[in-house]
């Protein structure tokens, strides 16, 4: 059962070891409900579970070479629900890749590294601070 403070997080990565490490870190460090998926297709099939944030791998072709890649998955997520923040995650340390993700409406881009988890935690905190400010602004504007 989800309480007010729990954040539903989708982790989508075809690297099973990295996916499990991320899942363990999020479950151990804070109050998250975590769902993991090895493909973009599985993530899309489960969007009805209403994630608060999605962390999405850039390539997603390690299990199935014809699987949908991260950018295509991102586009379909945004078409289904443009309000879900999606953080792209990749081993690609190229500015062009990060820029491409941002053009596809990713909230942020994180390079897989030993500091990736800490960075992801900070980004998720920022997302919820932003949502809170947006909610307060809307409340204020409604009263004007």
C-alpha atoms as a PDB file:
ATOM      1  CA  UNK A   1       0.000   0.000   0.000  1.00  0.00           C
ATOM      2  CA  UNK A   2       1.403   3.377  -1.011  1.00  0.00           C
ATOM      3  CA  UNK A   3       1.470   6.138   1.574  1.00  0.00           C
ATOM      4  CA  UNK A   4       1.783   9.885   0.889  1.00  0.00           C
ATOM      5  CA  UNK A   5       5.566   9.940   1.254  1.00  0.00           C
ATOM      6  CA  UNK A   6       6.374   6.974  -0.956  1.00  0.00           C
ATOM      7  CA  UNK A   7       7.646   7.655  -4.455  1.00  0.00           C
ATOM      8  CA  UNK A   8       6.800   5.117  -7.153  1.00  0.00           C
ATOM      9  CA  UNK A   9       9.910   4.692  -9.232  1.00  0.00           C
ATOM     10  CA  UNK A  10      10.272   2.762 -12.488  1.00  0.00           C
ATOM     11  CA  UNK A  11      13.814   1.573 -13.230  1.00  0.00           C
ATOM     12  CA  UNK A  12      14.265   0.511 -16.849  1.00  0.00           C
ATOM     13  CA  UNK A  13      17.587  -1.026 -17.887  1.00  0.00           C
ATOM     14  CA  UNK A  14      18.665  -4.077 -19.875  1.00  0.00           C
ATOM     15  CA  UNK A  15      21.770  -4.548 -17.696  1.00  0.00           C
ATOM     16  CA  UNK A  16      20.379  -6.928 -15.054  1.00  0.00           C
ATOM     17  CA  UNK A  17      23.229  -6.379 -12.587  1.00  0.00           C
ATOM     18  CA  UNK A  18      23.072  -2.580 -12.770  1.00  0.00           C
ATOM     19  CA  UNK A  19      19.272  -2.701 -12.550  1.00  0.00           C
ATOM     20  CA  UNK A  20      19.419  -4.866  -9.400  1.00  0.00           C
ATOM     21  CA  UNK A  21      22.058  -2.609  -7.799  1.00  0.00           C
ATOM     22  CA  UNK A  22      19.921   0.476  -8.439  1.00  0.00           C
ATOM     23  CA  UNK A  23      16.834  -1.272  -7.084  1.00  0.00           C
ATOM     24  CA  UNK A  24      18.646  -2.290  -3.893  1.00  0.00           C
ATOM     25  CA  UNK A  25      20.063   1.201  -3.379  1.00  0.00           C
ATOM     26  CA  UNK A  26      16.692   2.895  -3.779  1.00  0.00           C
ATOM     27  CA  UNK A  27      14.899   0.401  -1.559  1.00  0.00           C
ATOM     28  CA  UNK A  28      17.592   0.709   1.104  1.00  0.00           C
ATOM     29  CA  UNK A  29      18.038   4.465   1.122  1.00  0.00           C
ATOM     30  CA  UNK A  30      14.568   5.962   1.120  1.00  0.00           C
ATOM     31  CA  UNK A  31      10.855   5.375   0.994  1.00  0.00           C
ATOM     32  CA  UNK A  32      10.441   4.175  -2.589  1.00  0.00           C
ATOM     33  CA  UNK A  33       8.161   1.727  -4.309  1.00  0.00           C
ATOM     34  CA  UNK A  34      10.341   0.332  -7.089  1.00  0.00           C
ATOM     35  CA  UNK A  35       9.280  -1.495 -10.226  1.00  0.00           C
ATOM     36  CA  UNK A  36      12.005  -2.765 -12.552  1.00  0.00           C
ATOM     37  CA  UNK A  37      11.785  -3.518 -16.258  1.00  0.00           C
ATOM     38  CA  UNK A  38      14.373  -4.902 -18.675  1.00  0.00           C
ATOM     39  CA  UNK A  39      12.798  -3.346 -21.798  1.00  0.00           C
ATOM     40  CA  UNK A  40      11.043  -0.178 -22.827  1.00  0.00           C
ATOM     41  CA  UNK A  41       8.124  -2.245 -24.038  1.00  0.00           C
ATOM     42  CA  UNK A  42       7.553  -3.668 -20.543  1.00  0.00           C
ATOM     43  CA  UNK A  43       7.782  -0.203 -19.037  1.00  0.00           C
ATOM     44  CA  UNK A  44       5.159   1.107 -21.456  1.00  0.00           C
ATOM     45  CA  UNK A  45       2.851  -1.843 -20.758  1.00  0.00           C
ATOM     46  CA  UNK A  46       2.905  -0.893 -17.071  1.00  0.00           C
ATOM     47  CA  UNK A  47       2.474   2.896 -17.252  1.00  0.00           C
ATOM     48  CA  UNK A  48      -0.991   2.377 -15.780  1.00  0.00           C
ATOM     49  CA  UNK A  49       0.818   1.754 -12.456  1.00  0.00           C
ATOM     50  CA  UNK A  50       1.357   5.552 -12.425  1.00  0.00           C
ATOM     51  CA  UNK A  51       5.050   6.012 -11.680  1.00  0.00           C
ATOM     52  CA  UNK A  52       6.146   9.296 -10.120  1.00  0.00           C
ATOM     53  CA  UNK A  53       9.543   9.111 -11.858  1.00  0.00           C
ATOM     54  CA  UNK A  54      11.101   6.872 -14.500  1.00  0.00           C
ATOM     55  CA  UNK A  55      14.833   6.224 -14.753  1.00  0.00           C
ATOM     56  CA  UNK A  56      15.410   4.978 -18.282  1.00  0.00           C
ATOM     57  CA  UNK A  57      18.488   3.485 -19.942  1.00  0.00           C
ATOM     58  CA  UNK A  58      19.531   5.028 -23.252  1.00  0.00           C
ATOM     59  CA  UNK A  59      20.198   1.859 -25.301  1.00  0.00           C
ATOM     60  CA  UNK A  60      17.984  -1.000 -23.997  1.00  0.00           C
ATOM     61  CA  UNK A  61      19.178  -3.504 -26.612  1.00  0.00           C
ATOM     62  CA  UNK A  62      21.232  -5.881 -24.453  1.00  0.00           C
ATOM     63  CA  UNK A  63      18.526  -8.536 -24.130  1.00  0.00           C
ATOM     64  CA  UNK A  64      16.775  -8.128 -27.477  1.00  0.00           C
ATOM     65  CA  UNK A  65      18.628  -6.450 -30.336  1.00  0.00           C
ATOM     66  CA  UNK A  66      15.329  -5.296 -31.871  1.00  0.00           C
ATOM     67  CA  UNK A  67      13.983  -3.908 -28.599  1.00  0.00           C
ATOM     68  CA  UNK A  68      12.845  -0.305 -28.526  1.00  0.00           C
ATOM     69  CA  UNK A  69      15.695   2.022 -27.546  1.00  0.00           C
ATOM     70  CA  UNK A  70      15.560   4.542 -24.721  1.00  0.00           C
ATOM     71  CA  UNK A  71      14.728   7.576 -26.888  1.00  0.00           C
ATOM     72  CA  UNK A  72      11.832   5.785 -28.586  1.00  0.00           C
ATOM     73  CA  UNK A  73      10.599   4.661 -25.171  1.00  0.00           C
ATOM     74  CA  UNK A  74      10.956   8.213 -23.849  1.00  0.00           C
ATOM     75  CA  UNK A  75       8.907   9.566 -26.760  1.00  0.00           C
ATOM     76  CA  UNK A  76       6.133   7.033 -26.126  1.00  0.00           C
ATOM     77  CA  UNK A  77       6.112   7.769 -22.378  1.00  0.00           C
ATOM     78  CA  UNK A  78       5.792  11.492 -23.077  1.00  0.00           C
ATOM     79  CA  UNK A  79       3.022  10.847 -25.612  1.00  0.00           C
ATOM     80  CA  UNK A  80       1.108   8.807 -23.025  1.00  0.00           C
ATOM     81  CA  UNK A  81       1.756  11.167 -20.103  1.00  0.00           C
ATOM     82  CA  UNK A  82       3.913  14.259 -20.619  1.00  0.00           C
ATOM     83  CA  UNK A  83       3.947  14.970 -16.870  1.00  0.00           C
ATOM     84  CA  UNK A  84       6.005  11.927 -15.857  1.00  0.00           C
ATOM     85  CA  UNK A  85       9.600  13.046 -15.251  1.00  0.00           C
ATOM     86  CA  UNK A  86      12.022  10.746 -17.055  1.00  0.00           C
ATOM     87  CA  UNK A  87      15.717  10.703 -16.203  1.00  0.00           C
ATOM     88  CA  UNK A  88      17.880   9.149 -18.885  1.00  0.00           C
ATOM     89  CA  UNK A  89      20.757   6.958 -17.779  1.00  0.00           C
ATOM     90  CA  UNK A  90      23.609   5.829 -19.995  1.00  0.00           C
ATOM     91  CA  UNK A  91      27.225   4.817 -20.149  1.00  0.00           C
ATOM     92  CA  UNK A  92      27.547   7.370 -22.957  1.00  0.00           C
ATOM     93  CA  UNK A  93      29.586  10.332 -21.715  1.00  0.00           C
ATOM     94  CA  UNK A  94      28.959  12.414 -24.829  1.00  0.00           C
ATOM     95  CA  UNK A  95      27.343  15.835 -24.725  1.00  0.00           C
ATOM     96  CA  UNK A  96      25.512  15.114 -28.007  1.00  0.00           C
ATOM     97  CA  UNK A  97      23.714  12.167 -26.395  1.00  0.00           C
ATOM     98  CA  UNK A  98      22.698  14.244 -23.377  1.00  0.00           C
ATOM     99  CA  UNK A  99      21.442  17.071 -25.612  1.00  0.00           C
ATOM    100  CA  UNK A 100      19.464  14.623 -27.732  1.00  0.00           C
ATOM    101  CA  UNK A 101      17.784  13.254 -24.597  1.00  0.00           C
ATOM    102  CA  UNK A 102      16.866  16.757 -23.467  1.00  0.00           C
ATOM    103  CA  UNK A 103      15.382  17.508 -26.909  1.00  0.00           C
ATOM    104  CA  UNK A 104      13.197  14.436 -26.410  1.00  0.00           C
ATOM    105  CA  UNK A 105      11.941  16.004 -23.130  1.00  0.00           C
ATOM    106  CA  UNK A 106      13.997  14.047 -20.609  1.00  0.00           C
ATOM    107  CA  UNK A 107      14.104  15.768 -17.222  1.00  0.00           C
ATOM    108  CA  UNK A 108      17.832  15.104 -16.896  1.00  0.00           C
ATOM    109  CA  UNK A 109      20.668  12.877 -18.085  1.00  0.00           C
ATOM    110  CA  UNK A 110      23.010  10.837 -15.867  1.00  0.00           C
ATOM    111  CA  UNK A 111      26.135   8.960 -16.913  1.00  0.00           C
ATOM    112  CA  UNK A 112      26.471   5.501 -15.367  1.00  0.00           C
ATOM    113  CA  UNK A 113      29.322   5.735 -12.886  1.00  0.00           C
ATOM    114  CA  UNK A 114      30.130   5.186  -9.229  1.00  0.00           C
ATOM    115  CA  UNK A 115      28.360   8.483  -8.432  1.00  0.00           C
ATOM    116  CA  UNK A 116      25.245   7.834 -10.542  1.00  0.00           C
ATOM    117  CA  UNK A 117      23.074   6.755  -7.619  1.00  0.00           C
ATOM    118  CA  UNK A 118      23.841   9.878  -5.570  1.00  0.00           C
ATOM    119  CA  UNK A 119      23.152  12.037  -8.604  1.00  0.00           C
ATOM    120  CA  UNK A 120      19.840  10.264  -9.238  1.00  0.00           C
ATOM    121  CA  UNK A 121      18.772  10.837  -5.625  1.00  0.00           C
ATOM    122  CA  UNK A 122      19.510  14.564  -5.967  1.00  0.00           C
ATOM    123  CA  UNK A 123      17.583  14.777  -9.230  1.00  0.00           C
ATOM    124  CA  UNK A 124      14.550  13.037  -7.717  1.00  0.00           C
ATOM    125  CA  UNK A 125      14.653  15.479  -4.786  1.00  0.00           C
ATOM    126  CA  UNK A 126      14.769  18.354  -7.280  1.00  0.00           C
ATOM    127  CA  UNK A 127      11.795  16.947  -9.176  1.00  0.00           C
ATOM    128  CA  UNK A 128       9.671  16.924  -6.043  1.00  0.00           C
ATOM    129  CA  UNK A 129      10.814  20.378  -4.923  1.00  0.00           C
ATOM    130  CA  UNK A 130       9.855  21.664  -8.379  1.00  0.00           C
ATOM    131  CA  UNK A 131       6.457  19.911  -8.246  1.00  0.00           C
ATOM    132  CA  UNK A 132       5.780  21.403  -4.818  1.00  0.00           C
ATOM    133  CA  UNK A 133       6.667  24.909  -6.018  1.00  0.00           C
ATOM    134  CA  UNK A 134       4.498  24.432  -9.105  1.00  0.00           C
ATOM    135  CA  UNK A 135       1.568  23.323  -6.938  1.00  0.00           C
ATOM    136  CA  UNK A 136       1.986  26.325  -4.624  1.00  0.00           C
ATOM    137  CA  UNK A 137       2.174  28.697  -7.585  1.00  0.00           C
ATOM    138  CA  UNK A 138      -0.995  27.214  -9.084  1.00  0.00           C
ATOM    139  CA  UNK A 139      -2.758  27.569  -5.722  1.00  0.00           C
ATOM    140  CA  UNK A 140      -1.667  31.205  -5.541  1.00  0.00           C
ATOM    141  CA  UNK A 141      -2.700  31.952  -9.157  1.00  0.00           C
ATOM    142  CA  UNK A 142      -6.126  30.381  -8.559  1.00  0.00           C
ATOM    143  CA  UNK A 143      -6.758  32.865  -5.763  1.00  0.00           C
ATOM    144  CA  UNK A 144      -5.901  35.955  -7.757  1.00  0.00           C
END
